[in-house]
Amino acid sequence: MGESWSHIFTISSGVRQGSVWSPVLFPVDIDDIGELQNNLIGTFVALCADDIAIGTVGDSFTEIIAGL
């Protein structure tokens, strides 16, 4: 606020926001997350644009944690 500025930091991995590589690499990463639904029994994955919801169902807390 006012005259304050953010600190400069080095990005050691990933892609900078706004990079031309972002739209190319994002679907590659998201594809693997979508495969979780096929590999984990009782788990659902919902993908919409850049939002991800991963859930599971179970009869007890221990069973739910085991599903994730």
C-alpha atoms as a PDB file:
ATOM      1  CA  MET A   1       0.000   0.000   0.000  1.00  0.00           C
ATOM      2  CA  GLY A   2       1.240   3.461  -0.687  1.00  0.00           C
ATOM      3  CA  GLU A   3       4.940   3.265  -1.460  1.00  0.00           C
ATOM      4  CA  SER A   4       5.532  -0.386  -0.484  1.00  0.00           C
ATOM      5  CA  TRP A   5       6.702  -2.967  -2.998  1.00  0.00           C
ATOM      6  CA  SER A   6       6.847  -6.762  -2.971  1.00  0.00           C
ATOM      7  CA  HIS A   7      10.184  -8.471  -2.411  1.00  0.00           C
ATOM      8  CA  ILE A   8      11.942  -9.880  -5.484  1.00  0.00           C
ATOM      9  CA  PHE A   9      12.379 -13.656  -5.443  1.00  0.00           C
ATOM     10  CA  THR A  10      13.798 -16.267  -7.791  1.00  0.00           C
ATOM     11  CA  ILE A  11      11.529 -18.880  -9.359  1.00  0.00           C
ATOM     12  CA  SER A  12      13.401 -22.184  -9.166  1.00  0.00           C
ATOM     13  CA  SER A  13      10.799 -24.393 -10.843  1.00  0.00           C
ATOM     14  CA  GLY A  14       7.571 -24.148 -12.770  1.00  0.00           C
ATOM     15  CA  VAL A  15       6.432 -21.634 -15.357  1.00  0.00           C
ATOM     16  CA  ARG A  16       5.945 -17.919 -14.787  1.00  0.00           C
ATOM     17  CA  GLN A  17       2.382 -16.641 -14.856  1.00  0.00           C
ATOM     18  CA  GLY A  18       1.553 -15.341 -18.310  1.00  0.00           C
ATOM     19  CA  SER A  19       4.259 -17.413 -19.992  1.00  0.00           C
ATOM     20  CA  VAL A  20       3.508 -18.738 -23.467  1.00  0.00           C
ATOM     21  CA  TRP A  21       4.267 -22.214 -22.070  1.00  0.00           C
ATOM     22  CA  SER A  22       1.483 -22.079 -19.451  1.00  0.00           C
ATOM     23  CA  PRO A  23      -1.408 -23.093 -21.765  1.00  0.00           C
ATOM     24  CA  VAL A  24       0.732 -25.870 -23.242  1.00  0.00           C
ATOM     25  CA  LEU A  25       1.949 -27.430 -19.983  1.00  0.00           C
ATOM     26  CA  PHE A  26      -1.203 -27.027 -17.844  1.00  0.00           C
ATOM     27  CA  PRO A  27      -3.245 -29.747 -19.657  1.00  0.00           C
ATOM     28  CA  VAL A  28      -0.306 -32.152 -19.379  1.00  0.00           C
ATOM     29  CA  ASP A  29      -0.359 -31.885 -15.571  1.00  0.00           C
ATOM     30  CA  ILE A  30      -4.154 -31.932 -15.309  1.00  0.00           C
ATOM     31  CA  ASP A  31      -4.398 -35.106 -17.393  1.00  0.00           C
ATOM     32  CA  ASP A  32      -2.565 -37.096 -14.707  1.00  0.00           C
ATOM     33  CA  ILE A  33      -4.874 -35.816 -11.960  1.00  0.00           C
ATOM     34  CA  GLY A  34      -7.937 -36.878 -13.943  1.00  0.00           C
ATOM     35  CA  GLU A  35      -6.529 -40.416 -14.116  1.00  0.00           C
ATOM     36  CA  LEU A  36      -6.811 -40.710 -10.308  1.00  0.00           C
ATOM     37  CA  GLN A  37     -10.507 -41.451 -10.707  1.00  0.00           C
ATOM     38  CA  ASN A  38      -9.704 -44.480 -12.815  1.00  0.00           C
ATOM     39  CA  ASN A  39      -7.040 -45.785 -10.412  1.00  0.00           C
ATOM     40  CA  LEU A  40      -8.547 -45.236  -6.955  1.00  0.00           C
ATOM     41  CA  ILE A  41     -11.752 -47.083  -6.014  1.00  0.00           C
ATOM     42  CA  GLY A  42     -14.325 -44.862  -4.281  1.00  0.00           C
ATOM     43  CA  THR A  43     -12.587 -41.643  -5.292  1.00  0.00           C
ATOM     44  CA  PHE A  44     -14.045 -38.964  -7.558  1.00  0.00           C
ATOM     45  CA  VAL A  45     -12.255 -36.195  -9.405  1.00  0.00           C
ATOM     46  CA  ALA A  46     -14.081 -33.168 -10.805  1.00  0.00           C
ATOM     47  CA  LEU A  47     -12.196 -30.909 -13.211  1.00  0.00           C
ATOM     48  CA  CYS A  48     -13.498 -27.606 -14.533  1.00  0.00           C
ATOM     49  CA  ALA A  49     -11.074 -25.203 -16.217  1.00  0.00           C
ATOM     50  CA  ASP A  50      -8.339 -24.721 -13.594  1.00  0.00           C
ATOM     51  CA  ASP A  51     -10.420 -25.917 -10.614  1.00  0.00           C
ATOM     52  CA  ILE A  52      -9.972 -29.402  -9.166  1.00  0.00           C
ATOM     53  CA  ALA A  53     -12.074 -31.236  -6.566  1.00  0.00           C
ATOM     54  CA  ILE A  54     -10.939 -34.644  -5.295  1.00  0.00           C
ATOM     55  CA  GLY A  55     -13.138 -36.582  -2.891  1.00  0.00           C
ATOM     56  CA  THR A  56     -13.907 -39.986  -1.520  1.00  0.00           C
ATOM     57  CA  VAL A  57     -16.620 -41.704   0.501  1.00  0.00           C
ATOM     58  CA  GLY A  58     -16.419 -44.149   3.378  1.00  0.00           C
ATOM     59  CA  ASP A  59     -18.069 -45.434   6.534  1.00  0.00           C
ATOM     60  CA  SER A  60     -15.414 -44.069   8.891  1.00  0.00           C
ATOM     61  CA  PHE A  61     -12.796 -41.331   9.022  1.00  0.00           C
ATOM     62  CA  THR A  62     -10.039 -43.943   8.767  1.00  0.00           C
ATOM     63  CA  GLU A  63     -11.624 -45.431   5.652  1.00  0.00           C
ATOM     64  CA  ILE A  64     -11.969 -41.981   4.050  1.00  0.00           C
ATOM     65  CA  ILE A  65      -8.331 -41.089   4.724  1.00  0.00           C
ATOM     66  CA  ALA A  66      -7.258 -44.450   3.325  1.00  0.00           C
ATOM     67  CA  GLY A  67      -9.230 -43.673   0.142  1.00  0.00           C
ATOM     68  CA  LEU A  68      -7.264 -40.500  -0.442  1.00  0.00           C
END
